[in-house]
């Protein structure tokens, strides 16, 4: 069974031999290994979607029971910081796409530039979130029994912040994990491990990063634009 080429967005294996140093022994060729890896990543991403779907469902159930409390509580969020973080992640998705494309074209220097940019934008996102969290801690706008804000006008506002910290906290952990993987990719790219013949880890990390960005696109209006 010979190697085949993968279209744009996939991986070029036309020049990879069946005995490539990146090929695991249980695969016939690089193309098969790439497709299996991509299927595995999609299955993992489905579990992530299920996780956040459960959180979204819990949010909607609580919001239905305490609509006024959620409306009142969301005014304590800084919408401008939410917009900034949305723009940051949108740009990071673009830089991640360019990193994958650069790797596919064997442009190692450009791949590194875009990976560094994506990593940096992830750091900007977390820094902005740190600023937001700091304000909430200072005002006592916390989750559960930790909620101590004295100016609450509507009972149940703590429920909104419980969901806010759980959902954005889990999302933030995903950003941090993604940054860790990107840092590893940067290190391996410096070692000239990746090329147009093999860049599967960069491609799969791109899928993960896009999902994390997409989740935020849903979180932003859910939390910051409550009506």
Foldseek 3Di string as FASTA:
>chain_A
DFDDQDDPLFAGANPPGQVHPPDDPVDRRDVRVLVVVLVVLVVVVVVVVVVVVVLVVVLVVLCVVPVVLLVVLLVLFDLVLLVVLLVLLVVLLVLLSQLVNCQLVFNLVSNLVSLVSSLVSLVVNVVSVVVRVVVCVVQQQAADPSRDHPPRDGPPNNVLRNSVCVNVVVLNVLSVVLSVLSVVVSVVSVVVPTHSNDDSSSSSSSVSSVSSSVSSVVVSCSRNVRD
